Amino acid sequence: MIDIIEIQEKLDRIESLLLSTKQVLTLEEACSYTGISRSYLYKLTSAGIVPHSKPNGKLIFFDINRLNEWLLQNNRKSNFEIKNDALNYVLKNS
């Protein structure tokens, strides 16, 4: 017998897969997609920190590509990438 928690987890995975195929997300969908709470995401939009659209002045929409760019800003390199870059620099400038 399938556990209710297991069914909910599967439904959550399906929902996240479906969200990733959309181009435009509502505020609620953006919250689910990013894992950011509704109140915090609303604060970020109010402050102009996260890219969004308000075509009719009320509802908030997010372009998934711009949202992904915002989520991935301030990228940090791994220790391996830093060491590899340093090695390449030394070899190139020797």
PDB file of N, CA and C in Angstrom:
ATOM      1  N   MET A   1       0.832  -1.188   0.000  1.00  0.00           N
ATOM      2  CA  MET A   1       0.000   0.000   0.000  1.00  0.00           C
ATOM      3  C   MET A   1       0.873   1.246   0.000  1.00  0.00           C
ATOM      4  N   ILE A   2       0.574   2.158  -0.904  1.00  0.00           N
ATOM      5  CA  ILE A   2       1.383   3.372  -1.039  1.00  0.00           C
ATOM      6  C   ILE A   2       1.032   4.357   0.075  1.00  0.00           C
ATOM      7  N   ASP A   3       2.050   4.871   0.692  1.00  0.00           N
ATOM      8  CA  ASP A   3       1.922   5.821   1.781  1.00  0.00           C
ATOM      9  C   ASP A   3       1.471   7.185   1.235  1.00  0.00           C
ATOM     10  N   ILE A   4       0.657   7.910   1.994  1.00  0.00           N
ATOM     11  CA  ILE A   4       0.177   9.238   1.579  1.00  0.00           C
ATOM     12  C   ILE A   4       1.345  10.203   1.417  1.00  0.00           C
ATOM     13  N   ILE A   5       2.336  10.109   2.277  1.00  0.00           N
ATOM     14  CA  ILE A   5       3.514  10.975   2.185  1.00  0.00           C
ATOM     15  C   ILE A   5       4.258  10.704   0.883  1.00  0.00           C
ATOM     16  N   GLU A   6       4.368   9.444   0.509  1.00  0.00           N
ATOM     17  CA  GLU A   6       5.033   9.076  -0.738  1.00  0.00           C
ATOM     18  C   GLU A   6       4.275   9.649  -1.937  1.00  0.00           C
ATOM     19  N   ILE A   7       2.958   9.579  -1.906  1.00  0.00           N
ATOM     20  CA  ILE A   7       2.143  10.140  -2.993  1.00  0.00           C
ATOM     21  C   ILE A   7       2.338  11.644  -3.071  1.00  0.00           C
ATOM     22  N   GLN A   8       2.345  12.322  -1.921  1.00  0.00           N
ATOM     23  CA  GLN A   8       2.539  13.774  -1.904  1.00  0.00           C
ATOM     24  C   GLN A   8       3.904  14.152  -2.458  1.00  0.00           C
ATOM     25  N   GLU A   9       4.940  13.395  -2.110  1.00  0.00           N
ATOM     26  CA  GLU A   9       6.282  13.659  -2.636  1.00  0.00           C
ATOM     27  C   GLU A   9       6.322  13.504  -4.147  1.00  0.00           C
ATOM     28  N   LYS A  10       5.652  12.490  -4.659  1.00  0.00           N
ATOM     29  CA  LYS A  10       5.607  12.284  -6.109  1.00  0.00           C
ATOM     30  C   LYS A  10       4.855  13.419  -6.794  1.00  0.00           C
ATOM     31  N   LEU A  11       3.743  13.851  -6.208  1.00  0.00           N
ATOM     32  CA  LEU A  11       2.993  14.966  -6.767  1.00  0.00           C
ATOM     33  C   LEU A  11       3.822  16.257  -6.756  1.00  0.00           C
ATOM     34  N   ASP A  12       4.572  16.475  -5.686  1.00  0.00           N
ATOM     35  CA  ASP A  12       5.441  17.648  -5.606  1.00  0.00           C
ATOM     36  C   ASP A  12       6.503  17.625  -6.703  1.00  0.00           C
ATOM     37  N   ARG A  13       7.080  16.450  -6.963  1.00  0.00           N
ATOM     38  CA  ARG A  13       8.082  16.330  -8.031  1.00  0.00           C
ATOM     39  C   ARG A  13       7.464  16.600  -9.393  1.00  0.00           C
ATOM     40  N   ILE A  14       6.267  16.087  -9.614  1.00  0.00           N
ATOM     41  CA  ILE A  14       5.566  16.321 -10.887  1.00  0.00           C
ATOM     42  C   ILE A  14       5.261  17.810 -11.044  1.00  0.00           C
ATOM     43  N   GLU A  15       4.800  18.437  -9.982  1.00  0.00           N
ATOM     44  CA  GLU A  15       4.490  19.863 -10.031  1.00  0.00           C
ATOM     45  C   GLU A  15       5.735  20.687 -10.361  1.00  0.00           C
ATOM     46  N   SER A  16       6.868  20.349  -9.753  1.00  0.00           N
ATOM     47  CA  SER A  16       8.088  21.108 -10.032  1.00  0.00           C
ATOM     48  C   SER A  16       8.558  20.898 -11.462  1.00  0.00           C
ATOM     49  N   LEU A  17       8.373  19.704 -11.994  1.00  0.00           N
ATOM     50  CA  LEU A  17       8.710  19.457 -13.401  1.00  0.00           C
ATOM     51  C   LEU A  17       7.827  20.280 -14.333  1.00  0.00           C
ATOM     52  N   LEU A  18       6.557  20.355 -14.016  1.00  0.00           N
ATOM     53  CA  LEU A  18       5.634  21.150 -14.836  1.00  0.00           C
ATOM     54  C   LEU A  18       5.967  22.637 -14.757  1.00  0.00           C
ATOM     55  N   LEU A  19       6.333  23.111 -13.577  1.00  0.00           N
ATOM     56  CA  LEU A  19       6.699  24.522 -13.436  1.00  0.00           C
ATOM     57  C   LEU A  19       7.919  24.873 -14.281  1.00  0.00           C
ATOM     58  N   SER A  20       8.851  23.955 -14.370  1.00  0.00           N
ATOM     59  CA  SER A  20      10.080  24.239 -15.112  1.00  0.00           C
ATOM     60  C   SER A  20       9.841  24.340 -16.619  1.00  0.00           C
ATOM     61  N   THR A  21       8.668  23.918 -17.106  1.00  0.00           N
ATOM     62  CA  THR A  21       8.375  24.023 -18.531  1.00  0.00           C
ATOM     63  C   THR A  21       7.647  25.317 -18.875  1.00  0.00           C
ATOM     64  N   LYS A  22       7.194  26.056 -17.875  1.00  0.00           N
ATOM     65  CA  LYS A  22       6.482  27.314 -18.111  1.00  0.00           C
ATOM     66  C   LYS A  22       7.474  28.445 -18.350  1.00  0.00           C
ATOM     67  N   GLN A  23       7.082  29.431 -19.141  1.00  0.00           N
ATOM     68  CA  GLN A  23       7.916  30.611 -19.372  1.00  0.00           C
ATOM     69  C   GLN A  23       7.603  31.729 -18.390  1.00  0.00           C
ATOM     70  N   VAL A  24       6.330  31.840 -17.997  1.00  0.00           N
ATOM     71  CA  VAL A  24       5.900  32.910 -17.105  1.00  0.00           C
ATOM     72  C   VAL A  24       5.265  32.286 -15.864  1.00  0.00           C
ATOM     73  N   LEU A  25       5.718  32.742 -14.691  1.00  0.00           N
ATOM     74  CA  LEU A  25       5.222  32.210 -13.427  1.00  0.00           C
ATOM     75  C   LEU A  25       4.466  33.277 -12.653  1.00  0.00           C
ATOM     76  N   THR A  26       3.431  32.854 -11.941  1.00  0.00           N
ATOM     77  CA  THR A  26       2.751  33.740 -11.004  1.00  0.00           C
ATOM     78  C   THR A  26       3.598  33.846  -9.744  1.00  0.00           C
ATOM     79  N   LEU A  27       3.180  34.690  -8.822  1.00  0.00           N
ATOM     80  CA  LEU A  27       3.904  34.826  -7.558  1.00  0.00           C
ATOM     81  C   LEU A  27       3.928  33.496  -6.812  1.00  0.00           C
ATOM     82  N   GLU A  28       2.786  32.830  -6.753  1.00  0.00           N
ATOM     83  CA  GLU A  28       2.722  31.543  -6.046  1.00  0.00           C
ATOM     84  C   GLU A  28       3.615  30.496  -6.707  1.00  0.00           C
ATOM     85  N   GLU A  29       3.593  30.445  -8.033  1.00  0.00           N
ATOM     86  CA  GLU A  29       4.431  29.481  -8.760  1.00  0.00           C
ATOM     87  C   GLU A  29       5.910  29.796  -8.569  1.00  0.00           C
ATOM     88  N   ALA A  30       6.252  31.091  -8.565  1.00  0.00           N
ATOM     89  CA  ALA A  30       7.642  31.494  -8.350  1.00  0.00           C
ATOM     90  C   ALA A  30       8.105  31.101  -6.948  1.00  0.00           C
ATOM     91  N   CYS A  31       7.214  31.191  -5.974  1.00  0.00           N
ATOM     92  CA  CYS A  31       7.544  30.768  -4.610  1.00  0.00           C
ATOM     93  C   CYS A  31       7.842  29.275  -4.581  1.00  0.00           C
ATOM     94  N   SER A  32       6.996  28.494  -5.225  1.00  0.00           N
ATOM     95  CA  SER A  32       7.222  27.043  -5.275  1.00  0.00           C
ATOM     96  C   SER A  32       8.505  26.716  -6.019  1.00  0.00           C
ATOM     97  N   TYR A  33       8.736  27.404  -7.116  1.00  0.00           N
ATOM     98  CA  TYR A  33       9.901  27.145  -7.959  1.00  0.00           C
ATOM     99  C   TYR A  33      11.209  27.475  -7.238  1.00  0.00           C
ATOM    100  N   THR A  34      11.235  28.608  -6.535  1.00  0.00           N
ATOM    101  CA  THR A  34      12.469  29.063  -5.894  1.00  0.00           C
ATOM    102  C   THR A  34      12.640  28.585  -4.466  1.00  0.00           C
ATOM    103  N   GLY A  35      11.531  28.232  -3.818  1.00  0.00           N
ATOM    104  CA  GLY A  35      11.599  27.879  -2.407  1.00  0.00           C
ATOM    105  C   GLY A  35      11.602  29.096  -1.495  1.00  0.00           C
ATOM    106  N   ILE A  36      11.364  30.269  -2.063  1.00  0.00           N
ATOM    107  CA  ILE A  36      11.315  31.512  -1.288  1.00  0.00           C
ATOM    108  C   ILE A  36       9.888  31.717  -0.804  1.00  0.00           C
ATOM    109  N   SER A  37       9.727  32.141   0.440  1.00  0.00           N
ATOM    110  CA  SER A  37       8.386  32.347   0.982  1.00  0.00           C
ATOM    111  C   SER A  37       7.676  33.475   0.238  1.00  0.00           C
ATOM    112  N   ARG A  38       6.351  33.439   0.267  1.00  0.00           N
ATOM    113  CA  ARG A  38       5.530  34.428  -0.430  1.00  0.00           C
ATOM    114  C   ARG A  38       5.838  35.842   0.085  1.00  0.00           C
ATOM    115  N   SER A  39       5.910  36.004   1.396  1.00  0.00           N
ATOM    116  CA  SER A  39       6.135  37.337   1.961  1.00  0.00           C
ATOM    117  C   SER A  39       7.516  37.869   1.592  1.00  0.00           C
ATOM    118  N   TYR A  40       8.539  37.016   1.617  1.00  0.00           N
ATOM    119  CA  TYR A  40       9.888  37.472   1.284  1.00  0.00           C
ATOM    120  C   TYR A  40      10.007  37.787  -0.207  1.00  0.00           C
ATOM    121  N   LEU A  41       9.402  36.973  -1.064  1.00  0.00           N
ATOM    122  CA  LEU A  41       9.450  37.249  -2.496  1.00  0.00           C
ATOM    123  C   LEU A  41       8.711  38.542  -2.805  1.00  0.00           C
ATOM    124  N   TYR A  42       7.612  38.780  -2.127  1.00  0.00           N
ATOM    125  CA  TYR A  42       6.880  40.030  -2.323  1.00  0.00           C
ATOM    126  C   TYR A  42       7.739  41.222  -1.894  1.00  0.00           C
ATOM    127  N   LYS A  43       8.461  41.093  -0.774  1.00  0.00           N
ATOM    128  CA  LYS A  43       9.366  42.160  -0.329  1.00  0.00           C
ATOM    129  C   LYS A  43      10.459  42.406  -1.366  1.00  0.00           C
ATOM    130  N   LEU A  44      10.992  41.323  -1.955  1.00  0.00           N
ATOM    131  CA  LEU A  44      12.038  41.474  -2.971  1.00  0.00           C
ATOM    132  C   LEU A  44      11.506  42.189  -4.210  1.00  0.00           C
ATOM    133  N   THR A  45      10.267  41.907  -4.588  1.00  0.00           N
ATOM    134  CA  THR A  45       9.687  42.594  -5.755  1.00  0.00           C
ATOM    135  C   THR A  45       9.398  44.051  -5.419  1.00  0.00           C
ATOM    136  N   SER A  46       8.906  44.306  -4.220  1.00  0.00           N
ATOM    137  CA  SER A  46       8.604  45.684  -3.809  1.00  0.00           C
ATOM    138  C   SER A  46       9.852  46.550  -3.794  1.00  0.00           C
ATOM    139  N   ALA A  47      10.965  45.945  -3.406  1.00  0.00           N
ATOM    140  CA  ALA A  47      12.232  46.677  -3.349  1.00  0.00           C
ATOM    141  C   ALA A  47      12.922  46.742  -4.708  1.00  0.00           C
ATOM    142  N   GLY A  48      12.357  46.065  -5.718  1.00  0.00           N
ATOM    143  CA  GLY A  48      12.955  46.076  -7.054  1.00  0.00           C
ATOM    144  C   GLY A  48      14.205  45.221  -7.143  1.00  0.00           C
ATOM    145  N   ILE A  49      14.339  44.246  -6.276  1.00  0.00           N
ATOM    146  CA  ILE A  49      15.541  43.411  -6.254  1.00  0.00           C
ATOM    147  C   ILE A  49      15.451  42.252  -7.233  1.00  0.00           C
ATOM    148  N   VAL A  50      14.284  41.646  -7.331  1.00  0.00           N
ATOM    149  CA  VAL A  50      14.097  40.508  -8.229  1.00  0.00           C
ATOM    150  C   VAL A  50      13.317  40.985  -9.466  1.00  0.00           C
ATOM    151  N   PRO A  51      13.749  40.587 -10.678  1.00  0.00           N
ATOM    152  CA  PRO A  51      13.047  41.025 -11.885  1.00  0.00           C
ATOM    153  C   PRO A  51      11.644  40.428 -11.966  1.00  0.00           C
ATOM    154  N   HIS A  52      10.680  41.283 -12.281  1.00  0.00           N
ATOM    155  CA  HIS A  52       9.285  40.864 -12.358  1.00  0.00           C
ATOM    156  C   HIS A  52       8.501  41.824 -13.239  1.00  0.00           C
ATOM    157  N   SER A  53       7.257  41.457 -13.511  1.00  0.00           N
ATOM    158  CA  SER A  53       6.370  42.308 -14.311  1.00  0.00           C
ATOM    159  C   SER A  53       5.051  42.459 -13.585  1.00  0.00           C
ATOM    160  N   LYS A  54       4.443  43.630 -13.758  1.00  0.00           N
ATOM    161  CA  LYS A  54       3.110  43.890 -13.216  1.00  0.00           C
ATOM    162  C   LYS A  54       2.292  44.543 -14.331  1.00  0.00           C
ATOM    163  N   PRO A  55       1.833  43.744 -15.300  1.00  0.00           N
ATOM    164  CA  PRO A  55       1.180  44.311 -16.478  1.00  0.00           C
ATOM    165  C   PRO A  55      -0.087  45.117 -16.192  1.00  0.00           C
ATOM    166  N   ASN A  56      -0.839  44.730 -15.184  1.00  0.00           N
ATOM    167  CA  ASN A  56      -2.059  45.474 -14.882  1.00  0.00           C
ATOM    168  C   ASN A  56      -1.954  46.231 -13.561  1.00  0.00           C
ATOM    169  N   GLY A  57      -0.761  46.282 -12.994  1.00  0.00           N
ATOM    170  CA  GLY A  57      -0.538  47.016 -11.758  1.00  0.00           C
ATOM    171  C   GLY A  57      -0.853  46.244 -10.490  1.00  0.00           C
ATOM    172  N   LYS A  58      -1.410  45.048 -10.618  1.00  0.00           N
ATOM    173  CA  LYS A  58      -1.733  44.279  -9.417  1.00  0.00           C
ATOM    174  C   LYS A  58      -1.015  42.946  -9.378  1.00  0.00           C
ATOM    175  N   LEU A  59      -1.306  42.079 -10.332  1.00  0.00           N
ATOM    176  CA  LEU A  59      -0.716  40.744 -10.346  1.00  0.00           C
ATOM    177  C   LEU A  59       0.760  40.815 -10.715  1.00  0.00           C
ATOM    178  N   ILE A  60       1.560  39.963 -10.073  1.00  0.00           N
ATOM    179  CA  ILE A  60       3.000  39.926 -10.309  1.00  0.00           C
ATOM    180  C   ILE A  60       3.335  38.662 -11.086  1.00  0.00           C
ATOM    181  N   PHE A  61       4.152  38.820 -12.138  1.00  0.00           N
ATOM    182  CA  PHE A  61       4.575  37.699 -12.961  1.00  0.00           C
ATOM    183  C   PHE A  61       6.097  37.705 -13.079  1.00  0.00           C
ATOM    184  N   PHE A  62       6.647  36.511 -13.302  1.00  0.00           N
ATOM    185  CA  PHE A  62       8.096  36.346 -13.408  1.00  0.00           C
ATOM    186  C   PHE A  62       8.426  35.581 -14.677  1.00  0.00           C
ATOM    187  N   ASP A  63       9.365  36.107 -15.465  1.00  0.00           N
ATOM    188  CA  ASP A  63       9.907  35.379 -16.605  1.00  0.00           C
ATOM    189  C   ASP A  63      10.895  34.373 -16.026  1.00  0.00           C
ATOM    190  N   ILE A  64      10.692  33.111 -16.318  1.00  0.00           N
ATOM    191  CA  ILE A  64      11.498  32.059 -15.679  1.00  0.00           C
ATOM    192  C   ILE A  64      12.982  32.191 -16.020  1.00  0.00           C
ATOM    193  N   ASN A  65      13.311  32.656 -17.227  1.00  0.00           N
ATOM    194  CA  ASN A  65      14.723  32.814 -17.597  1.00  0.00           C
ATOM    195  C   ASN A  65      15.379  33.929 -16.793  1.00  0.00           C
ATOM    196  N   ARG A  66      14.680  35.048 -16.634  1.00  0.00           N
ATOM    197  CA  ARG A  66      15.224  36.159 -15.839  1.00  0.00           C
ATOM    198  C   ARG A  66      15.296  35.776 -14.365  1.00  0.00           C
ATOM    199  N   LEU A  67      14.319  34.996 -13.909  1.00  0.00           N
ATOM    200  CA  LEU A  67      14.326  34.539 -12.522  1.00  0.00           C
ATOM    201  C   LEU A  67      15.519  33.606 -12.281  1.00  0.00           C
ATOM    202  N   ASN A  68      15.779  32.712 -13.229  1.00  0.00           N
ATOM    203  CA  ASN A  68      16.948  31.823 -13.111  1.00  0.00           C
ATOM    204  C   ASN A  68      18.242  32.613 -13.101  1.00  0.00           C
ATOM    205  N   GLU A  69      18.358  33.625 -13.963  1.00  0.00           N
ATOM    206  CA  GLU A  69      19.563  34.467 -13.973  1.00  0.00           C
ATOM    207  C   GLU A  69      19.748  35.141 -12.622  1.00  0.00           C
ATOM    208  N   TRP A  70      18.660  35.647 -12.062  1.00  0.00           N
ATOM    209  CA  TRP A  70      18.737  36.306 -10.764  1.00  0.00           C
ATOM    210  C   TRP A  70      19.145  35.311  -9.683  1.00  0.00           C
ATOM    211  N   LEU A  71      18.569  34.117  -9.721  1.00  0.00           N
ATOM    212  CA  LEU A  71      18.895  33.094  -8.720  1.00  0.00           C
ATOM    213  C   LEU A  71      20.359  32.675  -8.789  1.00  0.00           C
ATOM    214  N   LEU A  72      20.933  32.700  -9.985  1.00  0.00           N
ATOM    215  CA  LEU A  72      22.302  32.219 -10.172  1.00  0.00           C
ATOM    216  C   LEU A  72      23.349  33.326 -10.165  1.00  0.00           C
ATOM    217  N   GLN A  73      22.958  34.548  -9.808  1.00  0.00           N
ATOM    218  CA  GLN A  73      23.937  35.632  -9.753  1.00  0.00           C
ATOM    219  C   GLN A  73      24.893  35.431  -8.583  1.00  0.00           C
ATOM    220  N   ASN A  74      25.989  36.105  -8.606  1.00  0.00           N
ATOM    221  CA  ASN A  74      27.031  35.992  -7.574  1.00  0.00           C
ATOM    222  C   ASN A  74      27.549  34.562  -7.438  1.00  0.00           C
ATOM    223  N   ASN A  75      27.798  33.960  -8.577  1.00  0.00           N
ATOM    224  CA  ASN A  75      28.285  32.589  -8.635  1.00  0.00           C
ATOM    225  C   ASN A  75      29.626  32.465  -7.911  1.00  0.00           C
ATOM    226  N   ARG A  76      29.775  31.414  -7.149  1.00  0.00           N
ATOM    227  CA  ARG A  76      31.020  31.141  -6.435  1.00  0.00           C
ATOM    228  C   ARG A  76      31.674  29.903  -7.033  1.00  0.00           C
ATOM    229  N   LYS A  77      32.968  30.016  -7.311  1.00  0.00           N
ATOM    230  CA  LYS A  77      33.699  28.875  -7.862  1.00  0.00           C
ATOM    231  C   LYS A  77      34.039  27.896  -6.756  1.00  0.00           C
ATOM    232  N   SER A  78      34.102  26.623  -7.130  1.00  0.00           N
ATOM    233  CA  SER A  78      34.513  25.589  -6.178  1.00  0.00           C
ATOM    234  C   SER A  78      36.027  25.667  -5.997  1.00  0.00           C
ATOM    235  N   ASN A  79      36.532  25.033  -4.956  1.00  0.00           N
ATOM    236  CA  ASN A  79      37.986  24.989  -4.719  1.00  0.00           C
ATOM    237  C   ASN A  79      38.706  24.357  -5.907  1.00  0.00           C
ATOM    238  N   PHE A  80      38.106  23.329  -6.496  1.00  0.00           N
ATOM    239  CA  PHE A  80      38.698  22.680  -7.663  1.00  0.00           C
ATOM    240  C   PHE A  80      38.818  23.666  -8.821  1.00  0.00           C
ATOM    241  N   GLU A  81      37.770  24.461  -9.083  1.00  0.00           N
ATOM    242  CA  GLU A  81      37.805  25.435 -10.178  1.00  0.00           C
ATOM    243  C   GLU A  81      38.867  26.511  -9.937  1.00  0.00           C
ATOM    244  N   ILE A  82      38.990  26.954  -8.694  1.00  0.00           N
ATOM    245  CA  ILE A  82      39.991  27.971  -8.357  1.00  0.00           C
ATOM    246  C   ILE A  82      41.398  27.423  -8.568  1.00  0.00           C
ATOM    247  N   LYS A  83      41.652  26.203  -8.095  1.00  0.00           N
ATOM    248  CA  LYS A  83      42.970  25.587  -8.277  1.00  0.00           C
ATOM    249  C   LYS A  83      43.270  25.358  -9.754  1.00  0.00           C
ATOM    250  N   ASN A  84      42.272  24.946 -10.510  1.00  0.00           N
ATOM    251  CA  ASN A  84      42.440  24.716 -11.940  1.00  0.00           C
ATOM    252  C   ASN A  84      42.747  26.030 -12.667  1.00  0.00           C
ATOM    253  N   ASP A  85      42.033  27.099 -12.317  1.00  0.00           N
ATOM    254  CA  ASP A  85      42.299  28.412 -12.905  1.00  0.00           C
ATOM    255  C   ASP A  85      43.709  28.888 -12.575  1.00  0.00           C
ATOM    256  N   ALA A  86      44.130  28.673 -11.331  1.00  0.00           N
ATOM    257  CA  ALA A  86      45.473  29.083 -10.914  1.00  0.00           C
ATOM    258  C   ALA A  86      46.537  28.301 -11.681  1.00  0.00           C
ATOM    259  N   LEU A  87      46.337  27.005 -11.829  1.00  0.00           N
ATOM    260  CA  LEU A  87      47.277  26.182 -12.579  1.00  0.00           C
ATOM    261  C   LEU A  87      47.356  26.624 -14.033  1.00  0.00           C
ATOM    262  N   ASN A  88      46.225  26.869 -14.647  1.00  0.00           N
ATOM    263  CA  ASN A  88      46.207  27.342 -16.047  1.00  0.00           C
ATOM    264  C   ASN A  88      46.895  28.676 -16.186  1.00  0.00           C
ATOM    265  N   TYR A  89      46.706  29.579 -15.216  1.00  0.00           N
ATOM    266  CA  TYR A  89      47.350  30.890 -15.248  1.00  0.00           C
ATOM    267  C   TYR A  89      48.851  30.759 -15.172  1.00  0.00           C
ATOM    268  N   VAL A  90      49.334  29.902 -14.245  1.00  0.00           N
ATOM    269  CA  VAL A  90      50.779  29.701 -14.076  1.00  0.00           C
ATOM    270  C   VAL A  90      51.373  29.085 -15.343  1.00  0.00           C
ATOM    271  N   LEU A  91      50.721  28.086 -15.897  1.00  0.00           N
ATOM    272  CA  LEU A  91      51.232  27.439 -17.112  1.00  0.00           C
ATOM    273  C   LEU A  91      51.239  28.389 -18.301  1.00  0.00           C
ATOM    274  N   LYS A  92      50.225  29.225 -18.399  1.00  0.00           N
ATOM    275  CA  LYS A  92      50.112  30.177 -19.517  1.00  0.00           C
ATOM    276  C   LYS A  92      51.142  31.289 -19.413  1.00  0.00           C
ATOM    277  N   ASN A  93      51.471  31.716 -18.201  1.00  0.00           N
ATOM    278  CA  ASN A  93      52.349  32.855 -18.001  1.00  0.00           C
ATOM    279  C   ASN A  93      53.762  32.472 -17.580  1.00  0.00           C
ATOM    280  N   SER A  94      54.122  31.225 -17.809  1.00  0.00           N
ATOM    281  CA  SER A  94      55.488  30.777 -17.462  1.00  0.00           C
ATOM    282  C   SER A  94      56.429  30.978 -18.621  1.00  0.00           C
TER     283      SER A  94
END
